[in-house]
Amino acid sequence: MEGIGKMIVTIGLILVVIGLLVQFTGFGRLPGDIIIRKGNTTFYFPIVTCLLLSVILSLILFVISRFR
């Protein structure tokens, strides 16, 4: 059980670092993301951001699986 705890803490720290990078670099507002503003309502759908994150995570998981 000791290894699982360390792994959860490591994943948590990685998520915090990624969250800070996204917040301070403006990563979530890429060209191609859909923003619809009507009156006092705003609809935001980050389709390009989702696609880019999917490709990056797929590559990372592919590399990790190759080393196992």
PDB file of N, CA and C in Angstrom:
ATOM      1  N   MET A   1       0.822  -1.199   0.000  1.00  0.00           N
ATOM      2  CA  MET A   1       0.000   0.000   0.000  1.00  0.00           C
ATOM      3  C   MET A   1       0.861   1.257   0.000  1.00  0.00           C
ATOM      4  N   GLU A   2       2.110   1.144   0.395  1.00  0.00           N
ATOM      5  CA  GLU A   2       2.983   2.309   0.452  1.00  0.00           C
ATOM      6  C   GLU A   2       3.224   2.884  -0.943  1.00  0.00           C
ATOM      7  N   GLY A   3       3.379   2.016  -1.928  1.00  0.00           N
ATOM      8  CA  GLY A   3       3.636   2.457  -3.301  1.00  0.00           C
ATOM      9  C   GLY A   3       2.457   3.192  -3.908  1.00  0.00           C
ATOM     10  N   ILE A   4       1.247   2.759  -3.546  1.00  0.00           N
ATOM     11  CA  ILE A   4       0.045   3.401  -4.082  1.00  0.00           C
ATOM     12  C   ILE A   4      -0.066   4.832  -3.550  1.00  0.00           C
ATOM     13  N   GLY A   5       0.245   5.025  -2.284  1.00  0.00           N
ATOM     14  CA  GLY A   5       0.194   6.365  -1.697  1.00  0.00           C
ATOM     15  C   GLY A   5       1.156   7.318  -2.369  1.00  0.00           C
ATOM     16  N   LYS A   6       2.379   6.852  -2.619  1.00  0.00           N
ATOM     17  CA  LYS A   6       3.365   7.696  -3.290  1.00  0.00           C
ATOM     18  C   LYS A   6       2.921   8.027  -4.707  1.00  0.00           C
ATOM     19  N   MET A   7       2.312   7.058  -5.373  1.00  0.00           N
ATOM     20  CA  MET A   7       1.852   7.284  -6.736  1.00  0.00           C
ATOM     21  C   MET A   7       0.729   8.320  -6.761  1.00  0.00           C
ATOM     22  N   ILE A   8      -0.199   8.258  -5.814  1.00  0.00           N
ATOM     23  CA  ILE A   8      -1.302   9.214  -5.759  1.00  0.00           C
ATOM     24  C   ILE A   8      -0.780  10.619  -5.474  1.00  0.00           C
ATOM     25  N   VAL A   9       0.180  10.748  -4.565  1.00  0.00           N
ATOM     26  CA  VAL A   9       0.767  12.054  -4.265  1.00  0.00           C
ATOM     27  C   VAL A   9       1.488  12.603  -5.496  1.00  0.00           C
ATOM     28  N   THR A  10       2.214  11.762  -6.208  1.00  0.00           N
ATOM     29  CA  THR A  10       2.931  12.197  -7.399  1.00  0.00           C
ATOM     30  C   THR A  10       1.960  12.669  -8.473  1.00  0.00           C
ATOM     31  N   ILE A  11       0.894  11.924  -8.695  1.00  0.00           N
ATOM     32  CA  ILE A  11      -0.110  12.320  -9.686  1.00  0.00           C
ATOM     33  C   ILE A  11      -0.753  13.640  -9.270  1.00  0.00           C
ATOM     34  N   GLY A  12      -1.025  13.807  -7.999  1.00  0.00           N
ATOM     35  CA  GLY A  12      -1.606  15.054  -7.504  1.00  0.00           C
ATOM     36  C   GLY A  12      -0.702  16.245  -7.745  1.00  0.00           C
ATOM     37  N   LEU A  13       0.593  16.088  -7.482  1.00  0.00           N
ATOM     38  CA  LEU A  13       1.541  17.178  -7.716  1.00  0.00           C
ATOM     39  C   LEU A  13       1.650  17.513  -9.201  1.00  0.00           C
ATOM     40  N   ILE A  14       1.631  16.496 -10.039  1.00  0.00           N
ATOM     41  CA  ILE A  14       1.679  16.731 -11.483  1.00  0.00           C
ATOM     42  C   ILE A  14       0.438  17.501 -11.933  1.00  0.00           C
ATOM     43  N   LEU A  15      -0.726  17.144 -11.405  1.00  0.00           N
ATOM     44  CA  LEU A  15      -1.956  17.852 -11.761  1.00  0.00           C
ATOM     45  C   LEU A  15      -1.935  19.303 -11.295  1.00  0.00           C
ATOM     46  N   VAL A  16      -1.358  19.567 -10.129  1.00  0.00           N
ATOM     47  CA  VAL A  16      -1.251  20.940  -9.640  1.00  0.00           C
ATOM     48  C   VAL A  16      -0.354  21.754 -10.569  1.00  0.00           C
ATOM     49  N   VAL A  17       0.775  21.197 -10.968  1.00  0.00           N
ATOM     50  CA  VAL A  17       1.694  21.902 -11.865  1.00  0.00           C
ATOM     51  C   VAL A  17       1.019  22.174 -13.213  1.00  0.00           C
ATOM     52  N   ILE A  18       0.322  21.180 -13.753  1.00  0.00           N
ATOM     53  CA  ILE A  18      -0.374  21.370 -15.024  1.00  0.00           C
ATOM     54  C   ILE A  18      -1.461  22.433 -14.882  1.00  0.00           C
ATOM     55  N   GLY A  19      -2.188  22.416 -13.783  1.00  0.00           N
ATOM     56  CA  GLY A  19      -3.225  23.420 -13.550  1.00  0.00           C
ATOM     57  C   GLY A  19      -2.666  24.829 -13.489  1.00  0.00           C
ATOM     58  N   LEU A  20      -1.532  25.002 -12.824  1.00  0.00           N
ATOM     59  CA  LEU A  20      -0.902  26.322 -12.757  1.00  0.00           C
ATOM     60  C   LEU A  20      -0.421  26.775 -14.133  1.00  0.00           C
ATOM     61  N   LEU A  21       0.151  25.850 -14.904  1.00  0.00           N
ATOM     62  CA  LEU A  21       0.597  26.200 -16.249  1.00  0.00           C
ATOM     63  C   LEU A  21      -0.568  26.620 -17.137  1.00  0.00           C
ATOM     64  N   VAL A  22      -1.665  25.905 -17.057  1.00  0.00           N
ATOM     65  CA  VAL A  22      -2.835  26.230 -17.877  1.00  0.00           C
ATOM     66  C   VAL A  22      -3.401  27.590 -17.472  1.00  0.00           C
ATOM     67  N   GLN A  23      -3.441  27.863 -16.190  1.00  0.00           N
ATOM     68  CA  GLN A  23      -4.022  29.112 -15.718  1.00  0.00           C
ATOM     69  C   GLN A  23      -3.170  30.318 -16.103  1.00  0.00           C
ATOM     70  N   PHE A  24      -1.868  30.201 -16.018  1.00  0.00           N
ATOM     71  CA  PHE A  24      -1.006  31.359 -16.245  1.00  0.00           C
ATOM     72  C   PHE A  24      -0.516  31.496 -17.678  1.00  0.00           C
ATOM     73  N   THR A  25      -0.694  30.498 -18.515  1.00  0.00           N
ATOM     74  CA  THR A  25      -0.253  30.612 -19.909  1.00  0.00           C
ATOM     75  C   THR A  25      -1.413  30.862 -20.864  1.00  0.00           C
ATOM     76  N   GLY A  26      -2.647  30.753 -20.425  1.00  0.00           N
ATOM     77  CA  GLY A  26      -3.792  30.960 -21.297  1.00  0.00           C
ATOM     78  C   GLY A  26      -3.992  29.817 -22.270  1.00  0.00           C
ATOM     79  N   PHE A  27      -3.584  28.613 -21.888  1.00  0.00           N
ATOM     80  CA  PHE A  27      -3.664  27.447 -22.772  1.00  0.00           C
ATOM     81  C   PHE A  27      -5.092  27.126 -23.171  1.00  0.00           C
ATOM     82  N   GLY A  28      -6.073  27.452 -22.360  1.00  0.00           N
ATOM     83  CA  GLY A  28      -7.448  27.081 -22.622  1.00  0.00           C
ATOM     84  C   GLY A  28      -8.168  27.940 -23.642  1.00  0.00           C
ATOM     85  N   ARG A  29      -7.517  28.936 -24.176  1.00  0.00           N
ATOM     86  CA  ARG A  29      -8.151  29.841 -25.142  1.00  0.00           C
ATOM     87  C   ARG A  29      -7.414  29.789 -26.479  1.00  0.00           C
ATOM     88  N   LEU A  30      -7.487  28.661 -27.139  1.00  0.00           N
ATOM     89  CA  LEU A  30      -6.818  28.485 -28.419  1.00  0.00           C
ATOM     90  C   LEU A  30      -7.730  28.901 -29.562  1.00  0.00           C
ATOM     91  N   PRO A  31      -7.145  29.305 -30.702  1.00  0.00           N
ATOM     92  CA  PRO A  31      -7.977  29.582 -31.874  1.00  0.00           C
ATOM     93  C   PRO A  31      -8.725  28.313 -32.292  1.00  0.00           C
ATOM     94  N   GLY A  32      -9.979  28.424 -32.601  1.00  0.00           N
ATOM     95  CA  GLY A  32     -10.789  27.271 -32.958  1.00  0.00           C
ATOM     96  C   GLY A  32     -11.721  26.843 -31.849  1.00  0.00           C
ATOM     97  N   ASP A  33     -11.482  27.301 -30.615  1.00  0.00           N
ATOM     98  CA  ASP A  33     -12.412  27.028 -29.524  1.00  0.00           C
ATOM     99  C   ASP A  33     -13.694  27.824 -29.771  1.00  0.00           C
ATOM    100  N   ILE A  34     -14.823  27.235 -29.460  1.00  0.00           N
ATOM    101  CA  ILE A  34     -16.117  27.845 -29.759  1.00  0.00           C
ATOM    102  C   ILE A  34     -16.575  28.684 -28.575  1.00  0.00           C
ATOM    103  N   ILE A  35     -16.849  29.979 -28.842  1.00  0.00           N
ATOM    104  CA  ILE A  35     -17.372  30.889 -27.821  1.00  0.00           C
ATOM    105  C   ILE A  35     -18.610  31.568 -28.404  1.00  0.00           C
ATOM    106  N   ILE A  36     -19.755  31.393 -27.743  1.00  0.00           N
ATOM    107  CA  ILE A  36     -20.997  32.017 -28.181  1.00  0.00           C
ATOM    108  C   ILE A  36     -21.483  32.912 -27.048  1.00  0.00           C
ATOM    109  N   ARG A  37     -21.631  34.205 -27.351  1.00  0.00           N
ATOM    110  CA  ARG A  37     -22.119  35.168 -26.356  1.00  0.00           C
ATOM    111  C   ARG A  37     -23.429  35.760 -26.844  1.00  0.00           C
ATOM    112  N   LYS A  38     -24.481  35.607 -26.054  1.00  0.00           N
ATOM    113  CA  LYS A  38     -25.787  36.191 -26.365  1.00  0.00           C
ATOM    114  C   LYS A  38     -26.363  36.777 -25.091  1.00  0.00           C
ATOM    115  N   GLY A  39     -26.502  38.073 -25.079  1.00  0.00           N
ATOM    116  CA  GLY A  39     -27.036  38.740 -23.891  1.00  0.00           C
ATOM    117  C   GLY A  39     -26.086  38.576 -22.714  1.00  0.00           C
ATOM    118  N   ASN A  40     -26.610  38.060 -21.613  1.00  0.00           N
ATOM    119  CA  ASN A  40     -25.767  37.854 -20.437  1.00  0.00           C
ATOM    120  C   ASN A  40     -25.359  36.388 -20.276  1.00  0.00           C
ATOM    121  N   THR A  41     -25.447  35.604 -21.366  1.00  0.00           N
ATOM    122  CA  THR A  41     -25.092  34.188 -21.331  1.00  0.00           C
ATOM    123  C   THR A  41     -23.900  33.928 -22.242  1.00  0.00           C
ATOM    124  N   THR A  42     -22.960  33.144 -21.763  1.00  0.00           N
ATOM    125  CA  THR A  42     -21.792  32.775 -22.563  1.00  0.00           C
ATOM    126  C   THR A  42     -21.660  31.264 -22.572  1.00  0.00           C
ATOM    127  N   PHE A  43     -21.495  30.707 -23.776  1.00  0.00           N
ATOM    128  CA  PHE A  43     -21.260  29.278 -23.941  1.00  0.00           C
ATOM    129  C   PHE A  43     -19.859  29.115 -24.500  1.00  0.00           C
ATOM    130  N   TYR A  44     -19.033  28.346 -23.810  1.00  0.00           N
ATOM    131  CA  TYR A  44     -17.646  28.143 -24.221  1.00  0.00           C
ATOM    132  C   TYR A  44     -17.387  26.655 -24.356  1.00  0.00           C
ATOM    133  N   PHE A  45     -16.968  26.221 -25.552  1.00  0.00           N
ATOM    134  CA  PHE A  45     -16.638  24.823 -25.793  1.00  0.00           C
ATOM    135  C   PHE A  45     -15.225  24.744 -26.362  1.00  0.00           C
ATOM    136  N   PRO A  46     -14.249  24.284 -25.565  1.00  0.00           N
ATOM    137  CA  PRO A  46     -12.851  24.275 -25.995  1.00  0.00           C
ATOM    138  C   PRO A  46     -12.503  23.047 -26.848  1.00  0.00           C
ATOM    139  N   ILE A  47     -13.031  22.976 -28.059  1.00  0.00           N
ATOM    140  CA  ILE A  47     -12.848  21.777 -28.878  1.00  0.00           C
ATOM    141  C   ILE A  47     -11.392  21.587 -29.300  1.00  0.00           C
ATOM    142  N   VAL A  48     -10.701  22.651 -29.695  1.00  0.00           N
ATOM    143  CA  VAL A  48      -9.305  22.522 -30.116  1.00  0.00           C
ATOM    144  C   VAL A  48      -8.426  22.175 -28.918  1.00  0.00           C
ATOM    145  N   THR A  49      -8.710  22.770 -27.771  1.00  0.00           N
ATOM    146  CA  THR A  49      -7.961  22.455 -26.562  1.00  0.00           C
ATOM    147  C   THR A  49      -8.142  20.983 -26.185  1.00  0.00           C
ATOM    148  N   CYS A  50      -9.359  20.477 -26.300  1.00  0.00           N
ATOM    149  CA  CYS A  50      -9.625  19.069 -25.991  1.00  0.00           C
ATOM    150  C   CYS A  50      -8.875  18.149 -26.952  1.00  0.00           C
ATOM    151  N   LEU A  51      -8.876  18.472 -28.229  1.00  0.00           N
ATOM    152  CA  LEU A  51      -8.162  17.655 -29.212  1.00  0.00           C
ATOM    153  C   LEU A  51      -6.656  17.656 -28.947  1.00  0.00           C
ATOM    154  N   LEU A  52      -6.111  18.828 -28.647  1.00  0.00           N
ATOM    155  CA  LEU A  52      -4.677  18.922 -28.375  1.00  0.00           C
ATOM    156  C   LEU A  52      -4.299  18.151 -27.116  1.00  0.00           C
ATOM    157  N   LEU A  53      -5.085  18.280 -26.060  1.00  0.00           N
ATOM    158  CA  LEU A  53      -4.819  17.527 -24.837  1.00  0.00           C
ATOM    159  C   LEU A  53      -4.932  16.030 -25.068  1.00  0.00           C
ATOM    160  N   SER A  54      -5.880  15.606 -25.890  1.00  0.00           N
ATOM    161  CA  SER A  54      -6.052  14.191 -26.196  1.00  0.00           C
ATOM    162  C   SER A  54      -4.825  13.638 -26.908  1.00  0.00           C
ATOM    163  N   VAL A  55      -4.303  14.380 -27.867  1.00  0.00           N
ATOM    164  CA  VAL A  55      -3.108  13.934 -28.602  1.00  0.00           C
ATOM    165  C   VAL A  55      -1.905  13.862 -27.672  1.00  0.00           C
ATOM    166  N   ILE A  56      -1.726  14.894 -26.838  1.00  0.00           N
ATOM    167  CA  ILE A  56      -0.575  14.918 -25.918  1.00  0.00           C
ATOM    168  C   ILE A  56      -0.660  13.771 -24.918  1.00  0.00           C
ATOM    169  N   LEU A  57      -1.826  13.558 -24.313  1.00  0.00           N
ATOM    170  CA  LEU A  57      -1.970  12.476 -23.342  1.00  0.00           C
ATOM    171  C   LEU A  57      -1.816  11.103 -23.994  1.00  0.00           C
ATOM    172  N   SER A  58      -2.307  10.951 -25.225  1.00  0.00           N
ATOM    173  CA  SER A  58      -2.141   9.683 -25.941  1.00  0.00           C
ATOM    174  C   SER A  58      -0.674   9.382 -26.189  1.00  0.00           C
ATOM    175  N   LEU A  59       0.084  10.404 -26.579  1.00  0.00           N
ATOM    176  CA  LEU A  59       1.516  10.208 -26.810  1.00  0.00           C
ATOM    177  C   LEU A  59       2.255   9.858 -25.517  1.00  0.00           C
ATOM    178  N   ILE A  60       1.907  10.550 -24.435  1.00  0.00           N
ATOM    179  CA  ILE A  60       2.556  10.271 -23.151  1.00  0.00           C
ATOM    180  C   ILE A  60       2.258   8.847 -22.706  1.00  0.00           C
ATOM    181  N   LEU A  61       0.997   8.432 -22.794  1.00  0.00           N
ATOM    182  CA  LEU A  61       0.635   7.076 -22.378  1.00  0.00           C
ATOM    183  C   LEU A  61       1.250   6.022 -23.291  1.00  0.00           C
ATOM    184  N   PHE A  62       1.388   6.319 -24.573  1.00  0.00           N
ATOM    185  CA  PHE A  62       2.042   5.394 -25.500  1.00  0.00           C
ATOM    186  C   PHE A  62       3.501   5.188 -25.115  1.00  0.00           C
ATOM    187  N   VAL A  63       4.196   6.285 -24.804  1.00  0.00           N
ATOM    188  CA  VAL A  63       5.607   6.195 -24.407  1.00  0.00           C
ATOM    189  C   VAL A  63       5.742   5.433 -23.098  1.00  0.00           C
ATOM    190  N   ILE A  64       4.863   5.710 -22.134  1.00  0.00           N
ATOM    191  CA  ILE A  64       4.918   4.997 -20.851  1.00  0.00           C
ATOM    192  C   ILE A  64       4.671   3.512 -21.037  1.00  0.00           C
ATOM    193  N   SER A  65       3.711   3.157 -21.903  1.00  0.00           N
ATOM    194  CA  SER A  65       3.407   1.746 -22.111  1.00  0.00           C
ATOM    195  C   SER A  65       4.565   1.024 -22.812  1.00  0.00           C
ATOM    196  N   ARG A  66       5.339   1.725 -23.614  1.00  0.00           N
ATOM    197  CA  ARG A  66       6.488   1.112 -24.285  1.00  0.00           C
ATOM    198  C   ARG A  66       7.596   0.735 -23.307  1.00  0.00           C
ATOM    199  N   PHE A  67       7.730   1.517 -22.215  1.00  0.00           N
ATOM    200  CA  PHE A  67       8.780   1.244 -21.231  1.00  0.00           C
ATOM    201  C   PHE A  67       8.382   0.190 -20.220  1.00  0.00           C
ATOM    202  N   ARG A  68       7.138  -0.222 -20.198  1.00  0.00           N
ATOM    203  CA  ARG A  68       6.692  -1.223 -19.225  1.00  0.00           C
ATOM    204  C   ARG A  68       6.894  -2.585 -19.736  1.00  0.00           C
TER     205      ARG A  68
END
